[in-house]
Amino acid sequence: QVQLVESGGGLVQPGGSLRLSCAASGSISTIYVMGWYRRAPGNQRELVALIINGGTTRYAGSVKGRFTISRDNAENTVYLQMNNLRPEDTAVYYCNSLVTGGMDYWGKGTQVTVSS
């Protein structure tokens, strides 16, 4: 099993920045994809960004050029650097890991609110 703990959410003004962290523990060696998803009120959960073993990254069109996903293997942590935040980025952000065998794991989420 894999345990994921997110941190770094908060309230920020439009145009501001936040960095989210996701610390992984447990069967880390089985992880081959880690990602960030978000769910805004009244919406379905959507993919924000993911990073595959080897460093390949993918982004949702709405965040491309503003968000950057990265991974520190030594710290077993994945980051999401979010710049030029917009009110529509307001959501609960969840960390996800996909492991060999097809199972995936979720963190409990961290709230990001973009408002003046």
C-alpha atoms as a PDB file:
ATOM      1  CA  GLN A   1       0.000   0.000   0.000  1.00  0.00           C
ATOM      2  CA  VAL A   2       0.934   3.625  -0.473  1.00  0.00           C
ATOM      3  CA  GLN A   3       0.072   6.508   1.817  1.00  0.00           C
ATOM      4  CA  LEU A   4      -0.074  10.052   0.469  1.00  0.00           C
ATOM      5  CA  VAL A   5      -0.183  13.269   2.474  1.00  0.00           C
ATOM      6  CA  GLU A   6      -0.722  16.614   0.784  1.00  0.00           C
ATOM      7  CA  SER A   7       0.245  20.015   2.147  1.00  0.00           C
ATOM      8  CA  GLY A   8       0.696  23.586   0.982  1.00  0.00           C
ATOM      9  CA  GLY A   9      -2.828  24.683   0.199  1.00  0.00           C
ATOM     10  CA  GLY A  10      -4.275  27.977   1.326  1.00  0.00           C
ATOM     11  CA  LEU A  11      -5.772  31.299   0.332  1.00  0.00           C
ATOM     12  CA  VAL A  12      -4.004  33.349  -2.320  1.00  0.00           C
ATOM     13  CA  GLN A  13      -4.896  36.391  -4.394  1.00  0.00           C
ATOM     14  CA  PRO A  14      -5.327  36.147  -8.169  1.00  0.00           C
ATOM     15  CA  GLY A  15      -1.939  36.211  -9.835  1.00  0.00           C
ATOM     16  CA  GLY A  16      -0.261  34.702  -6.804  1.00  0.00           C
ATOM     17  CA  SER A  17       1.610  31.428  -6.370  1.00  0.00           C
ATOM     18  CA  LEU A  18       1.434  28.346  -4.190  1.00  0.00           C
ATOM     19  CA  ARG A  19       3.441  25.150  -4.026  1.00  0.00           C
ATOM     20  CA  LEU A  20       1.700  21.926  -3.088  1.00  0.00           C
ATOM     21  CA  SER A  21       3.605  18.948  -1.716  1.00  0.00           C
ATOM     22  CA  CYS A  22       2.658  15.285  -1.619  1.00  0.00           C
ATOM     23  CA  ALA A  23       4.720  13.015   0.609  1.00  0.00           C
ATOM     24  CA  ALA A  24       4.523   9.321  -0.219  1.00  0.00           C
ATOM     25  CA  SER A  25       5.250   6.420   2.116  1.00  0.00           C
ATOM     26  CA  GLY A  26       4.755   2.680   2.118  1.00  0.00           C
ATOM     27  CA  SER A  27       5.385   0.606  -1.008  1.00  0.00           C
ATOM     28  CA  ILE A  28       7.055   3.464  -2.845  1.00  0.00           C
ATOM     29  CA  SER A  29       9.035   1.243  -5.194  1.00  0.00           C
ATOM     30  CA  THR A  30       5.784   0.122  -6.828  1.00  0.00           C
ATOM     31  CA  ILE A  31       4.775   3.657  -7.880  1.00  0.00           C
ATOM     32  CA  TYR A  32       5.198   4.467 -11.562  1.00  0.00           C
ATOM     33  CA  VAL A  33       2.901   7.497 -11.991  1.00  0.00           C
ATOM     34  CA  MET A  34       2.112  10.303  -9.604  1.00  0.00           C
ATOM     35  CA  GLY A  35      -0.355  13.044 -10.288  1.00  0.00           C
ATOM     36  CA  TRP A  36      -2.403  15.927  -9.032  1.00  0.00           C
ATOM     37  CA  TYR A  37      -6.155  16.134  -9.509  1.00  0.00           C
ATOM     38  CA  ARG A  38      -8.645  18.726  -8.358  1.00  0.00           C
ATOM     39  CA  ARG A  39     -12.341  19.012  -7.667  1.00  0.00           C
ATOM     40  CA  ALA A  40     -14.081  22.369  -7.693  1.00  0.00           C
ATOM     41  CA  PRO A  41     -17.501  22.767  -6.060  1.00  0.00           C
ATOM     42  CA  GLY A  42     -20.178  21.282  -8.286  1.00  0.00           C
ATOM     43  CA  ASN A  43     -17.639  19.780 -10.685  1.00  0.00           C
ATOM     44  CA  GLN A  44     -16.148  16.378 -11.241  1.00  0.00           C
ATOM     45  CA  ARG A  45     -12.588  15.614 -10.260  1.00  0.00           C
ATOM     46  CA  GLU A  46     -10.200  16.436 -13.095  1.00  0.00           C
ATOM     47  CA  LEU A  47      -6.577  15.732 -13.869  1.00  0.00           C
ATOM     48  CA  VAL A  48      -4.242  18.686 -13.333  1.00  0.00           C
ATOM     49  CA  ALA A  49      -0.809  17.185 -13.976  1.00  0.00           C
ATOM     50  CA  LEU A  50       1.051  13.906 -13.770  1.00  0.00           C
ATOM     51  CA  ILE A  51       4.621  12.711 -13.818  1.00  0.00           C
ATOM     52  CA  ILE A  52       5.724   9.279 -14.971  1.00  0.00           C
ATOM     53  CA  ASN A  53       8.851   7.422 -13.825  1.00  0.00           C
ATOM     54  CA  GLY A  54      11.622   8.750 -16.018  1.00  0.00           C
ATOM     55  CA  GLY A  55      10.308  12.293 -15.833  1.00  0.00           C
ATOM     56  CA  THR A  56       7.663  12.544 -18.550  1.00  0.00           C
ATOM     57  CA  THR A  57       4.979  15.032 -17.565  1.00  0.00           C
ATOM     58  CA  ARG A  58       1.457  15.792 -18.743  1.00  0.00           C
ATOM     59  CA  TYR A  59      -0.728  18.823 -17.995  1.00  0.00           C
ATOM     60  CA  ALA A  60      -4.324  19.826 -18.392  1.00  0.00           C
ATOM     61  CA  GLY A  61      -4.689  22.504 -21.015  1.00  0.00           C
ATOM     62  CA  SER A  62      -6.059  24.978 -18.492  1.00  0.00           C
ATOM     63  CA  VAL A  63      -2.872  24.926 -16.393  1.00  0.00           C
ATOM     64  CA  LYS A  64      -0.188  24.441 -19.033  1.00  0.00           C
ATOM     65  CA  GLY A  65       2.415  27.157 -18.772  1.00  0.00           C
ATOM     66  CA  ARG A  66       1.316  28.130 -15.259  1.00  0.00           C
ATOM     67  CA  PHE A  67       1.747  24.912 -13.226  1.00  0.00           C
ATOM     68  CA  THR A  68       4.800  22.683 -12.957  1.00  0.00           C
ATOM     69  CA  ILE A  69       4.877  19.171 -11.518  1.00  0.00           C
ATOM     70  CA  SER A  70       8.155  17.775 -10.209  1.00  0.00           C
ATOM     71  CA  ARG A  71       9.364  14.840  -8.159  1.00  0.00           C
ATOM     72  CA  ASP A  72      12.099  14.497  -5.554  1.00  0.00           C
ATOM     73  CA  ASN A  73      12.877  10.792  -5.398  1.00  0.00           C
ATOM     74  CA  ALA A  74      15.201  11.182  -2.436  1.00  0.00           C
ATOM     75  CA  GLU A  75      12.392  12.751  -0.408  1.00  0.00           C
ATOM     76  CA  ASN A  76       9.615  10.598  -1.941  1.00  0.00           C
ATOM     77  CA  THR A  77       7.731  13.806  -2.595  1.00  0.00           C
ATOM     78  CA  VAL A  78       5.904  15.255  -5.569  1.00  0.00           C
ATOM     79  CA  TYR A  79       5.392  18.987  -5.924  1.00  0.00           C
ATOM     80  CA  LEU A  80       2.974  21.142  -7.854  1.00  0.00           C
ATOM     81  CA  GLN A  81       4.217  24.689  -8.357  1.00  0.00           C
ATOM     82  CA  MET A  82       1.255  26.873  -9.244  1.00  0.00           C
ATOM     83  CA  ASN A  83       1.876  30.350 -10.636  1.00  0.00           C
ATOM     84  CA  ASN A  84      -0.431  33.067 -11.929  1.00  0.00           C
ATOM     85  CA  LEU A  85      -3.339  31.524 -10.070  1.00  0.00           C
ATOM     86  CA  ARG A  86      -6.868  32.328 -11.157  1.00  0.00           C
ATOM     87  CA  PRO A  87     -10.183  32.173  -9.273  1.00  0.00           C
ATOM     88  CA  GLU A  88     -11.158  29.193 -11.427  1.00  0.00           C
ATOM     89  CA  ASP A  89      -8.219  27.265  -9.942  1.00  0.00           C
ATOM     90  CA  THR A  90     -10.096  27.192  -6.629  1.00  0.00           C
ATOM     91  CA  ALA A  91     -10.617  23.547  -5.693  1.00  0.00           C
ATOM     92  CA  VAL A  92      -9.569  20.747  -3.417  1.00  0.00           C
ATOM     93  CA  TYR A  93      -6.336  19.320  -4.820  1.00  0.00           C
ATOM     94  CA  TYR A  94      -5.662  15.609  -4.450  1.00  0.00           C
ATOM     95  CA  CYS A  95      -2.459  13.663  -4.869  1.00  0.00           C
ATOM     96  CA  ASN A  96      -2.679  10.316  -6.662  1.00  0.00           C
ATOM     97  CA  SER A  97      -0.276   7.459  -7.216  1.00  0.00           C
ATOM     98  CA  LEU A  98      -0.609   4.605  -9.674  1.00  0.00           C
ATOM     99  CA  VAL A  99       1.291   1.447  -8.826  1.00  0.00           C
ATOM    100  CA  THR A 100       2.253  -1.683 -10.668  1.00  0.00           C
ATOM    101  CA  GLY A 101      -0.725  -3.998 -10.790  1.00  0.00           C
ATOM    102  CA  GLY A 102      -3.090  -1.155 -11.605  1.00  0.00           C
ATOM    103  CA  MET A 103      -4.137   0.007  -8.167  1.00  0.00           C
ATOM    104  CA  ASP A 104      -4.167   3.664  -7.335  1.00  0.00           C
ATOM    105  CA  TYR A 105      -4.074   5.566  -4.079  1.00  0.00           C
ATOM    106  CA  TRP A 106      -5.337   8.983  -3.041  1.00  0.00           C
ATOM    107  CA  GLY A 107      -4.477  11.554  -0.441  1.00  0.00           C
ATOM    108  CA  LYS A 108      -7.147  13.358   1.559  1.00  0.00           C
ATOM    109  CA  GLY A 109      -6.737  16.600  -0.356  1.00  0.00           C
ATOM    110  CA  THR A 110      -5.725  20.171   0.350  1.00  0.00           C
ATOM    111  CA  GLN A 111      -7.874  23.244  -0.260  1.00  0.00           C
ATOM    112  CA  VAL A 112      -6.685  25.956  -2.624  1.00  0.00           C
ATOM    113  CA  THR A 113      -8.711  29.156  -2.716  1.00  0.00           C
ATOM    114  CA  VAL A 114      -7.909  31.964  -5.145  1.00  0.00           C
ATOM    115  CA  SER A 115      -9.751  35.119  -4.199  1.00  0.00           C
ATOM    116  CA  SER A 116      -9.175  38.807  -3.656  1.00  0.00           C
END
